[in-house]
mmCIF file of all heavy atoms, coordinates in Angstrom:
data_MODEL
# 
_entry.id   MODEL 
# 
loop_
_atom_site.group_PDB 
_atom_site.id 
_atom_site.type_symbol 
_atom_site.label_atom_id 
_atom_site.label_alt_id 
_atom_site.label_comp_id 
_atom_site.label_asym_id 
_atom_site.label_entity_id 
_atom_site.label_seq_id 
_atom_site.pdbx_PDB_ins_code 
_atom_site.Cartn_x 
_atom_site.Cartn_y 
_atom_site.Cartn_z 
_atom_site.occupancy 
_atom_site.B_iso_or_equiv 
_atom_site.pdbx_formal_charge 
_atom_site.auth_seq_id 
_atom_site.auth_comp_id 
_atom_site.auth_asym_id 
_atom_site.auth_atom_id 
_atom_site.pdbx_PDB_model_num 
ATOM 1   N N   . ALA A 1 1  ? 146.806 -26.476 218.986 1.00 0.00 ? 1  ALA A N   1 
ATOM 2   C CA  . ALA A 1 1  ? 146.151 -27.313 219.991 1.00 0.00 ? 1  ALA A CA  1 
ATOM 3   C C   . ALA A 1 1  ? 145.080 -26.507 220.718 1.00 0.00 ? 1  ALA A C   1 
ATOM 4   O O   . ALA A 1 1  ? 145.218 -25.296 220.906 1.00 0.00 ? 1  ALA A O   1 
ATOM 5   C CB  . ALA A 1 1  ? 147.177 -27.825 220.991 1.00 0.00 ? 1  ALA A CB  1 
ATOM 6   N N   . ASN A 1 2  ? 144.029 -27.198 221.126 1.00 0.00 ? 2  ASN A N   1 
ATOM 7   C CA  . ASN A 1 2  ? 142.973 -26.616 221.951 1.00 0.00 ? 2  ASN A CA  1 
ATOM 8   C C   . ASN A 1 2  ? 142.749 -27.547 223.132 1.00 0.00 ? 2  ASN A C   1 
ATOM 9   O O   . ASN A 1 2  ? 142.503 -28.738 222.932 1.00 0.00 ? 2  ASN A O   1 
ATOM 10  C CB  . ASN A 1 2  ? 141.681 -26.460 221.151 1.00 0.00 ? 2  ASN A CB  1 
ATOM 11  C CG  . ASN A 1 2  ? 141.834 -25.445 220.046 1.00 0.00 ? 2  ASN A CG  1 
ATOM 12  O OD1 . ASN A 1 2  ? 142.090 -24.284 220.305 1.00 0.00 ? 2  ASN A OD1 1 
ATOM 13  N ND2 . ASN A 1 2  ? 141.684 -25.885 218.816 1.00 0.00 ? 2  ASN A ND2 1 
ATOM 14  N N   . VAL A 1 3  ? 142.896 -27.003 224.337 1.00 0.00 ? 3  VAL A N   1 
ATOM 15  C CA  . VAL A 1 3  ? 142.700 -27.794 225.543 1.00 0.00 ? 3  VAL A CA  1 
ATOM 16  C C   . VAL A 1 3  ? 141.846 -27.005 226.520 1.00 0.00 ? 3  VAL A C   1 
ATOM 17  O O   . VAL A 1 3  ? 141.766 -25.783 226.439 1.00 0.00 ? 3  VAL A O   1 
ATOM 18  C CB  . VAL A 1 3  ? 144.049 -28.184 226.215 1.00 0.00 ? 3  VAL A CB  1 
ATOM 19  C CG1 . VAL A 1 3  ? 144.840 -29.108 225.327 1.00 0.00 ? 3  VAL A CG1 1 
ATOM 20  C CG2 . VAL A 1 3  ? 144.862 -26.958 226.584 1.00 0.00 ? 3  VAL A CG2 1 
ATOM 21  N N   . SER A 1 4  ? 141.208 -27.719 227.442 1.00 0.00 ? 4  SER A N   1 
ATOM 22  C CA  . SER A 1 4  ? 140.418 -27.023 228.457 1.00 0.00 ? 4  SER A CA  1 
ATOM 23  C C   . SER A 1 4  ? 140.497 -27.775 229.775 1.00 0.00 ? 4  SER A C   1 
ATOM 24  O O   . SER A 1 4  ? 140.804 -28.965 229.826 1.00 0.00 ? 4  SER A O   1 
ATOM 25  C CB  . SER A 1 4  ? 138.967 -26.869 228.009 1.00 0.00 ? 4  SER A CB  1 
ATOM 26  O OG  . SER A 1 4  ? 138.380 -28.112 227.773 1.00 0.00 ? 4  SER A OG  1 
ATOM 27  N N   . THR A 1 5  ? 140.227 -27.035 230.828 1.00 0.00 ? 5  THR A N   1 
ATOM 28  C CA  . THR A 1 5  ? 140.240 -27.563 232.188 1.00 0.00 ? 5  THR A CA  1 
ATOM 29  C C   . THR A 1 5  ? 139.438 -26.599 233.053 1.00 0.00 ? 5  THR A C   1 
ATOM 30  O O   . THR A 1 5  ? 138.899 -25.612 232.556 1.00 0.00 ? 5  THR A O   1 
ATOM 31  C CB  . THR A 1 5  ? 141.689 -27.723 232.706 1.00 0.00 ? 5  THR A CB  1 
ATOM 32  O OG1 . THR A 1 5  ? 141.673 -28.411 233.953 1.00 0.00 ? 5  THR A OG1 1 
ATOM 33  C CG2 . THR A 1 5  ? 142.391 -26.393 232.864 1.00 0.00 ? 5  THR A CG2 1 
ATOM 34  N N   . THR A 1 6  ? 139.366 -26.865 234.333 1.00 0.00 ? 6  THR A N   1 
ATOM 35  C CA  . THR A 1 6  ? 138.714 -25.927 235.246 1.00 0.00 ? 6  THR A CA  1 
ATOM 36  C C   . THR A 1 6  ? 139.779 -25.005 235.837 1.00 0.00 ? 6  THR A C   1 
ATOM 37  O O   . THR A 1 6  ? 140.971 -25.298 235.776 1.00 0.00 ? 6  THR A O   1 
ATOM 38  C CB  . THR A 1 6  ? 137.967 -26.666 236.376 1.00 0.00 ? 6  THR A CB  1 
ATOM 39  O OG1 . THR A 1 6  ? 138.879 -27.535 237.035 1.00 0.00 ? 6  THR A OG1 1 
ATOM 40  C CG2 . THR A 1 6  ? 136.812 -27.475 235.831 1.00 0.00 ? 6  THR A CG2 1 
ATOM 41  N N   . LEU A 1 7  ? 139.334 -23.904 236.401 1.00 0.00 ? 7  LEU A N   1 
ATOM 42  C CA  . LEU A 1 7  ? 140.260 -22.974 237.050 1.00 0.00 ? 7  LEU A CA  1 
ATOM 43  C C   . LEU A 1 7  ? 141.085 -23.712 238.102 1.00 0.00 ? 7  LEU A C   1 
ATOM 44  O O   . LEU A 1 7  ? 140.587 -24.620 238.772 1.00 0.00 ? 7  LEU A O   1 
ATOM 45  C CB  . LEU A 1 7  ? 139.498 -21.832 237.726 1.00 0.00 ? 7  LEU A CB  1 
ATOM 46  C CG  . LEU A 1 7  ? 138.985 -20.745 236.804 1.00 0.00 ? 7  LEU A CG  1 
ATOM 47  C CD1 . LEU A 1 7  ? 138.035 -19.837 237.561 1.00 0.00 ? 7  LEU A CD1 1 
ATOM 48  C CD2 . LEU A 1 7  ? 140.125 -19.939 236.203 1.00 0.00 ? 7  LEU A CD2 1 
ATOM 49  N N   . ASN A 1 8  ? 142.334 -23.352 238.227 1.00 0.00 ? 8  ASN A N   1 
ATOM 50  C CA  . ASN A 1 8  ? 143.274 -23.894 239.208 1.00 0.00 ? 8  ASN A CA  1 
ATOM 51  C C   . ASN A 1 8  ? 143.645 -25.358 238.967 1.00 0.00 ? 8  ASN A C   1 
ATOM 52  O O   . ASN A 1 8  ? 144.270 -25.975 239.816 1.00 0.00 ? 8  ASN A O   1 
ATOM 53  C CB  . ASN A 1 8  ? 142.759 -23.722 240.642 1.00 0.00 ? 8  ASN A CB  1 
ATOM 54  C CG  . ASN A 1 8  ? 142.440 -22.278 240.950 1.00 0.00 ? 8  ASN A CG  1 
ATOM 55  O OD1 . ASN A 1 8  ? 143.225 -21.382 240.662 1.00 0.00 ? 8  ASN A OD1 1 
ATOM 56  N ND2 . ASN A 1 8  ? 141.279 -22.041 241.514 1.00 0.00 ? 8  ASN A ND2 1 
ATOM 57  N N   . GLU A 1 9  ? 143.250 -25.913 237.844 1.00 0.00 ? 9  GLU A N   1 
ATOM 58  C CA  . GLU A 1 9  ? 143.627 -27.280 237.475 1.00 0.00 ? 9  GLU A CA  1 
ATOM 59  C C   . GLU A 1 9  ? 144.550 -27.227 236.262 1.00 0.00 ? 9  GLU A C   1 
ATOM 60  O O   . GLU A 1 9  ? 144.554 -26.253 235.515 1.00 0.00 ? 9  GLU A O   1 
ATOM 61  C CB  . GLU A 1 9  ? 142.391 -28.130 237.159 1.00 0.00 ? 9  GLU A CB  1 
ATOM 62  C CG  . GLU A 1 9  ? 141.471 -28.331 238.345 1.00 0.00 ? 9  GLU A CG  1 
ATOM 63  C CD  . GLU A 1 9  ? 142.081 -29.167 239.459 1.00 0.00 ? 9  GLU A CD  1 
ATOM 64  O OE1 . GLU A 1 9  ? 142.860 -30.083 239.162 1.00 0.00 ? 9  GLU A OE1 1 
ATOM 65  O OE2 . GLU A 1 9  ? 141.762 -28.894 240.636 1.00 0.00 ? 9  GLU A OE2 1 
ATOM 66  N N   . THR A 1 10 ? 145.307 -28.292 236.036 1.00 0.00 ? 10 THR A N   1 
ATOM 67  C CA  . THR A 1 10 ? 146.305 -28.312 234.968 1.00 0.00 ? 10 THR A CA  1 
ATOM 68  C C   . THR A 1 10 ? 145.731 -28.851 233.663 1.00 0.00 ? 10 THR A C   1 
ATOM 69  O O   . THR A 1 10 ? 145.052 -29.875 233.648 1.00 0.00 ? 10 THR A O   1 
ATOM 70  C CB  . THR A 1 10 ? 147.507 -29.186 235.372 1.00 0.00 ? 10 THR A CB  1 
ATOM 71  O OG1 . THR A 1 10 ? 148.017 -28.709 236.622 1.00 0.00 ? 10 THR A OG1 1 
ATOM 72  C CG2 . THR A 1 10 ? 148.606 -29.129 234.340 1.00 0.00 ? 10 THR A CG2 1 
ATOM 73  N N   . ALA A 1 11 ? 146.001 -28.125 232.574 1.00 0.00 ? 11 ALA A N   1 
ATOM 74  C CA  . ALA A 1 11 ? 145.706 -28.594 231.212 1.00 0.00 ? 11 ALA A CA  1 
ATOM 75  C C   . ALA A 1 11 ? 147.050 -28.954 230.580 1.00 0.00 ? 11 ALA A C   1 
ATOM 76  O O   . ALA A 1 11 ? 148.063 -28.298 230.835 1.00 0.00 ? 11 ALA A O   1 
ATOM 77  C CB  . ALA A 1 11 ? 145.024 -27.501 230.404 1.00 0.00 ? 11 ALA A CB  1 
ATOM 78  N N   . TYR A 1 12 ? 147.069 -30.005 229.781 1.00 0.00 ? 12 TYR A N   1 
ATOM 79  C CA  . TYR A 1 12 ? 148.313 -30.480 229.178 1.00 0.00 ? 12 TYR A CA  1 
ATOM 80  C C   . TYR A 1 12 ? 148.230 -30.451 227.657 1.00 0.00 ? 12 TYR A C   1 
ATOM 81  O O   . TYR A 1 12 ? 147.213 -30.842 227.079 1.00 0.00 ? 12 TYR A O   1 
ATOM 82  C CB  . TYR A 1 12 ? 148.598 -31.928 229.593 1.00 0.00 ? 12 TYR A CB  1 
ATOM 83  C CG  . TYR A 1 12 ? 148.800 -32.113 231.066 1.00 0.00 ? 12 TYR A CG  1 
ATOM 84  C CD1 . TYR A 1 12 ? 147.736 -32.462 231.886 1.00 0.00 ? 12 TYR A CD1 1 
ATOM 85  C CD2 . TYR A 1 12 ? 150.050 -31.936 231.646 1.00 0.00 ? 12 TYR A CD2 1 
ATOM 86  C CE1 . TYR A 1 12 ? 147.914 -32.643 233.255 1.00 0.00 ? 12 TYR A CE1 1 
ATOM 87  C CE2 . TYR A 1 12 ? 150.235 -32.105 233.005 1.00 0.00 ? 12 TYR A CE2 1 
ATOM 88  C CZ  . TYR A 1 12 ? 149.158 -32.461 233.799 1.00 0.00 ? 12 TYR A CZ  1 
ATOM 89  O OH  . TYR A 1 12 ? 149.341 -32.628 235.146 1.00 0.00 ? 12 TYR A OH  1 
ATOM 90  N N   . ILE A 1 13 ? 149.314 -30.024 227.047 1.00 0.00 ? 13 ILE A N   1 
ATOM 91  C CA  . ILE A 1 13 ? 149.493 -30.155 225.606 1.00 0.00 ? 13 ILE A CA  1 
ATOM 92  C C   . ILE A 1 13 ? 150.730 -31.014 225.440 1.00 0.00 ? 13 ILE A C   1 
ATOM 93  O O   . ILE A 1 13 ? 151.806 -30.670 225.940 1.00 0.00 ? 13 ILE A O   1 
ATOM 94  C CB  . ILE A 1 13 ? 149.714 -28.785 224.920 1.00 0.00 ? 13 ILE A CB  1 
ATOM 95  C CG1 . ILE A 1 13 ? 148.507 -27.870 225.136 1.00 0.00 ? 13 ILE A CG1 1 
ATOM 96  C CG2 . ILE A 1 13 ? 150.009 -28.981 223.432 1.00 0.00 ? 13 ILE A CG2 1 
ATOM 97  C CD1 . ILE A 1 13 ? 148.736 -26.438 224.689 1.00 0.00 ? 13 ILE A CD1 1 
ATOM 98  N N   . VAL A 1 14 ? 150.573 -32.146 224.766 1.00 0.00 ? 14 VAL A N   1 
ATOM 99  C CA  . VAL A 1 14 ? 151.706 -33.050 224.543 1.00 0.00 ? 14 VAL A CA  1 
ATOM 100 C C   . VAL A 1 14 ? 151.814 -33.288 223.044 1.00 0.00 ? 14 VAL A C   1 
ATOM 101 O O   . VAL A 1 14 ? 150.847 -33.669 222.392 1.00 0.00 ? 14 VAL A O   1 
ATOM 102 C CB  . VAL A 1 14 ? 151.525 -34.388 225.287 1.00 0.00 ? 14 VAL A CB  1 
ATOM 103 C CG1 . VAL A 1 14 ? 152.709 -35.306 225.038 1.00 0.00 ? 14 VAL A CG1 1 
ATOM 104 C CG2 . VAL A 1 14 ? 151.336 -34.146 226.776 1.00 0.00 ? 14 VAL A CG2 1 
ATOM 105 N N   . VAL A 1 15 ? 153.017 -33.040 222.511 1.00 0.00 ? 15 VAL A N   1 
ATOM 106 C CA  . VAL A 1 15 ? 153.259 -33.205 221.090 1.00 0.00 ? 15 VAL A CA  1 
ATOM 107 C C   . VAL A 1 15 ? 154.536 -34.009 220.907 1.00 0.00 ? 15 VAL A C   1 
ATOM 108 O O   . VAL A 1 15 ? 155.546 -33.739 221.560 1.00 0.00 ? 15 VAL A O   1 
ATOM 109 C CB  . VAL A 1 15 ? 153.421 -31.832 220.399 1.00 0.00 ? 15 VAL A CB  1 
ATOM 110 C CG1 . VAL A 1 15 ? 153.696 -31.998 218.916 1.00 0.00 ? 15 VAL A CG1 1 
ATOM 111 C CG2 . VAL A 1 15 ? 152.204 -30.968 220.619 1.00 0.00 ? 15 VAL A CG2 1 
ATOM 112 N N   . GLY A 1 16 ? 154.492 -34.992 220.037 1.00 0.00 ? 16 GLY A N   1 
ATOM 113 C CA  . GLY A 1 16 ? 155.671 -35.798 219.746 1.00 0.00 ? 16 GLY A CA  1 
ATOM 114 C C   . GLY A 1 16 ? 155.708 -37.055 220.590 1.00 0.00 ? 16 GLY A C   1 
ATOM 115 O O   . GLY A 1 16 ? 154.758 -37.384 221.294 1.00 0.00 ? 16 GLY A O   1 
ATOM 116 N N   . ARG A 1 17 ? 156.847 -37.762 220.477 1.00 0.00 ? 17 ARG A N   1 
ATOM 117 C CA  . ARG A 1 17 ? 157.023 -39.015 221.205 1.00 0.00 ? 17 ARG A CA  1 
ATOM 118 C C   . ARG A 1 17 ? 158.432 -39.105 221.757 1.00 0.00 ? 17 ARG A C   1 
ATOM 119 O O   . ARG A 1 17 ? 159.372 -38.576 221.166 1.00 0.00 ? 17 ARG A O   1 
ATOM 120 C CB  . ARG A 1 17 ? 156.849 -40.205 220.272 1.00 0.00 ? 17 ARG A CB  1 
ATOM 121 C CG  . ARG A 1 17 ? 155.452 -40.525 219.944 1.00 0.00 ? 17 ARG A CG  1 
ATOM 122 C CD  . ARG A 1 17 ? 155.442 -41.804 219.198 1.00 0.00 ? 17 ARG A CD  1 
ATOM 123 N NE  . ARG A 1 17 ? 155.345 -41.458 217.783 1.00 0.00 ? 17 ARG A NE  1 
ATOM 124 C CZ  . ARG A 1 17 ? 155.211 -42.324 216.828 1.00 0.00 ? 17 ARG A CZ  1 
ATOM 125 N NH1 . ARG A 1 17 ? 155.206 -43.590 217.096 1.00 0.00 ? 17 ARG A NH1 1 
ATOM 126 N NH2 . ARG A 1 17 ? 155.095 -41.940 215.589 1.00 0.00 ? 17 ARG A NH2 1 
ATOM 127 N N   . GLU A 1 18 ? 158.521 -39.835 222.857 1.00 0.00 ? 18 GLU A N   1 
ATOM 128 C CA  . GLU A 1 18 ? 159.841 -40.152 223.381 1.00 0.00 ? 18 GLU A CA  1 
ATOM 129 C C   . GLU A 1 18 ? 160.401 -41.302 222.568 1.00 0.00 ? 18 GLU A C   1 
ATOM 130 O O   . GLU A 1 18 ? 159.631 -42.108 222.058 1.00 0.00 ? 18 GLU A O   1 
ATOM 131 C CB  . GLU A 1 18 ? 159.737 -40.581 224.843 1.00 0.00 ? 18 GLU A CB  1 
ATOM 132 C CG  . GLU A 1 18 ? 159.499 -39.446 225.782 1.00 0.00 ? 18 GLU A CG  1 
ATOM 133 C CD  . GLU A 1 18 ? 159.570 -39.908 227.217 1.00 0.00 ? 18 GLU A CD  1 
ATOM 134 O OE1 . GLU A 1 18 ? 158.594 -40.506 227.694 1.00 0.00 ? 18 GLU A OE1 1 
ATOM 135 O OE2 . GLU A 1 18 ? 160.619 -39.674 227.827 1.00 0.00 ? 18 GLU A OE2 1 
ATOM 136 N N   . PRO A 1 19 ? 161.637 -41.490 222.430 1.00 0.00 ? 19 PRO A N   1 
ATOM 137 C CA  . PRO A 1 19 ? 162.737 -40.692 222.957 1.00 0.00 ? 19 PRO A CA  1 
ATOM 138 C C   . PRO A 1 19 ? 163.185 -39.591 222.011 1.00 0.00 ? 19 PRO A C   1 
ATOM 139 O O   . PRO A 1 19 ? 164.110 -38.851 222.318 1.00 0.00 ? 19 PRO A O   1 
ATOM 140 C CB  . PRO A 1 19 ? 163.839 -41.726 223.153 1.00 0.00 ? 19 PRO A CB  1 
ATOM 141 C CG  . PRO A 1 19 ? 163.644 -42.676 222.027 1.00 0.00 ? 19 PRO A CG  1 
ATOM 142 C CD  . PRO A 1 19 ? 162.138 -42.720 221.810 1.00 0.00 ? 19 PRO A CD  1 
ATOM 143 N N   . GLU A 1 20 ? 162.550 -39.477 220.816 1.00 0.00 ? 20 GLU A N   1 
ATOM 144 C CA  . GLU A 1 20 ? 163.013 -38.505 219.835 1.00 0.00 ? 20 GLU A CA  1 
ATOM 145 C C   . GLU A 1 20 ? 162.796 -37.059 220.268 1.00 0.00 ? 20 GLU A C   1 
ATOM 146 O O   . GLU A 1 20 ? 163.707 -36.384 220.708 1.00 0.00 ? 20 GLU A O   1 
ATOM 147 C CB  . GLU A 1 20 ? 162.341 -38.763 218.484 1.00 0.00 ? 20 GLU A CB  1 
ATOM 148 C CG  . GLU A 1 20 ? 162.691 -40.085 217.868 1.00 0.00 ? 20 GLU A CG  1 
ATOM 149 C CD  . GLU A 1 20 ? 161.472 -40.886 217.502 1.00 0.00 ? 20 GLU A CD  1 
ATOM 150 O OE1 . GLU A 1 20 ? 160.378 -40.302 217.369 1.00 0.00 ? 20 GLU A OE1 1 
ATOM 151 O OE2 . GLU A 1 20 ? 161.600 -42.105 217.369 1.00 0.00 ? 20 GLU A OE2 1 
ATOM 152 N N   . GLU A 1 21 ? 161.568 -36.584 220.110 1.00 0.00 ? 21 GLU A N   1 
ATOM 153 C CA  . GLU A 1 21 ? 161.224 -35.210 220.475 1.00 0.00 ? 21 GLU A CA  1 
ATOM 154 C C   . GLU A 1 21 ? 159.839 -35.200 221.088 1.00 0.00 ? 21 GLU A C   1 
ATOM 155 O O   . GLU A 1 21 ? 158.858 -35.432 220.392 1.00 0.00 ? 21 GLU A O   1 
ATOM 156 C CB  . GLU A 1 21 ? 161.203 -34.301 219.240 1.00 0.00 ? 21 GLU A CB  1 
ATOM 157 C CG  . GLU A 1 21 ? 162.533 -33.840 218.775 1.00 0.00 ? 21 GLU A CG  1 
ATOM 158 C CD  . GLU A 1 21 ? 162.384 -32.805 217.666 1.00 0.00 ? 21 GLU A CD  1 
ATOM 159 O OE1 . GLU A 1 21 ? 161.297 -32.655 217.087 1.00 0.00 ? 21 GLU A OE1 1 
ATOM 160 O OE2 . GLU A 1 21 ? 163.376 -32.142 217.378 1.00 0.00 ? 21 GLU A OE2 1 
ATOM 161 N N   . MET A 1 22 ? 159.770 -34.946 222.364 1.00 0.00 ? 22 MET A N   1 
ATOM 162 C CA  . MET A 1 22 ? 158.475 -34.833 223.013 1.00 0.00 ? 22 MET A CA  1 
ATOM 163 C C   . MET A 1 22 ? 158.409 -33.494 223.742 1.00 0.00 ? 22 MET A C   1 
ATOM 164 O O   . MET A 1 22 ? 159.254 -33.186 224.576 1.00 0.00 ? 22 MET A O   1 
ATOM 165 C CB  . MET A 1 22 ? 158.228 -35.954 224.006 1.00 0.00 ? 22 MET A CB  1 
ATOM 166 C CG  . MET A 1 22 ? 156.797 -35.910 224.536 1.00 0.00 ? 22 MET A CG  1 
ATOM 167 S SD  . MET A 1 22 ? 156.403 -37.242 225.658 1.00 0.00 ? 22 MET A SD  1 
ATOM 168 C CE  . MET A 1 22 ? 156.981 -36.545 227.180 1.00 0.00 ? 22 MET A CE  1 
ATOM 169 N N   . TYR A 1 23 ? 157.422 -32.703 223.363 1.00 0.00 ? 23 TYR A N   1 
ATOM 170 C CA  . TYR A 1 23 ? 157.173 -31.428 224.013 1.00 0.00 ? 23 TYR A CA  1 
ATOM 171 C C   . TYR A 1 23 ? 155.929 -31.592 224.880 1.00 0.00 ? 23 TYR A C   1 
ATOM 172 O O   . TYR A 1 23 ? 154.916 -32.100 224.422 1.00 0.00 ? 23 TYR A O   1 
ATOM 173 C CB  . TYR A 1 23 ? 156.908 -30.326 222.986 1.00 0.00 ? 23 TYR A CB  1 
ATOM 174 C CG  . TYR A 1 23 ? 158.010 -30.133 221.985 1.00 0.00 ? 23 TYR A CG  1 
ATOM 175 C CD1 . TYR A 1 23 ? 157.965 -30.741 220.730 1.00 0.00 ? 23 TYR A CD1 1 
ATOM 176 C CD2 . TYR A 1 23 ? 159.096 -29.341 222.295 1.00 0.00 ? 23 TYR A CD2 1 
ATOM 177 C CE1 . TYR A 1 23 ? 158.968 -30.548 219.815 1.00 0.00 ? 23 TYR A CE1 1 
ATOM 178 C CE2 . TYR A 1 23 ? 160.115 -29.140 221.370 1.00 0.00 ? 23 TYR A CE2 1 
ATOM 179 C CZ  . TYR A 1 23 ? 160.038 -29.750 220.136 1.00 0.00 ? 23 TYR A CZ  1 
ATOM 180 O OH  . TYR A 1 23 ? 161.038 -29.559 219.229 1.00 0.00 ? 23 TYR A OH  1 
ATOM 181 N N   . LYS A 1 24 ? 156.011 -31.149 226.110 1.00 0.00 ? 24 LYS A N   1 
ATOM 182 C CA  . LYS A 1 24 ? 154.845 -31.152 227.001 1.00 0.00 ? 24 LYS A CA  1 
ATOM 183 C C   . LYS A 1 24 ? 154.733 -29.769 227.616 1.00 0.00 ? 24 LYS A C   1 
ATOM 184 O O   . LYS A 1 24 ? 155.718 -29.207 228.085 1.00 0.00 ? 24 LYS A O   1 
ATOM 185 C CB  . LYS A 1 24 ? 155.002 -32.193 228.104 1.00 0.00 ? 24 LYS A CB  1 
ATOM 186 C CG  . LYS A 1 24 ? 153.785 -32.269 229.019 1.00 0.00 ? 24 LYS A CG  1 
ATOM 187 C CD  . LYS A 1 24 ? 153.837 -33.496 229.905 1.00 0.00 ? 24 LYS A CD  1 
ATOM 188 C CE  . LYS A 1 24 ? 154.215 -33.112 231.292 1.00 0.00 ? 24 LYS A CE  1 
ATOM 189 N NZ  . LYS A 1 24 ? 154.204 -34.239 232.225 1.00 0.00 ? 24 LYS A NZ  1 
# 
């Protein structure tokens, strides 16, 4: 995964789906 944001802000990586397997 490649994500970007500004300093002091949150970047999210989300993989999978609920209810099986979701990683955030």
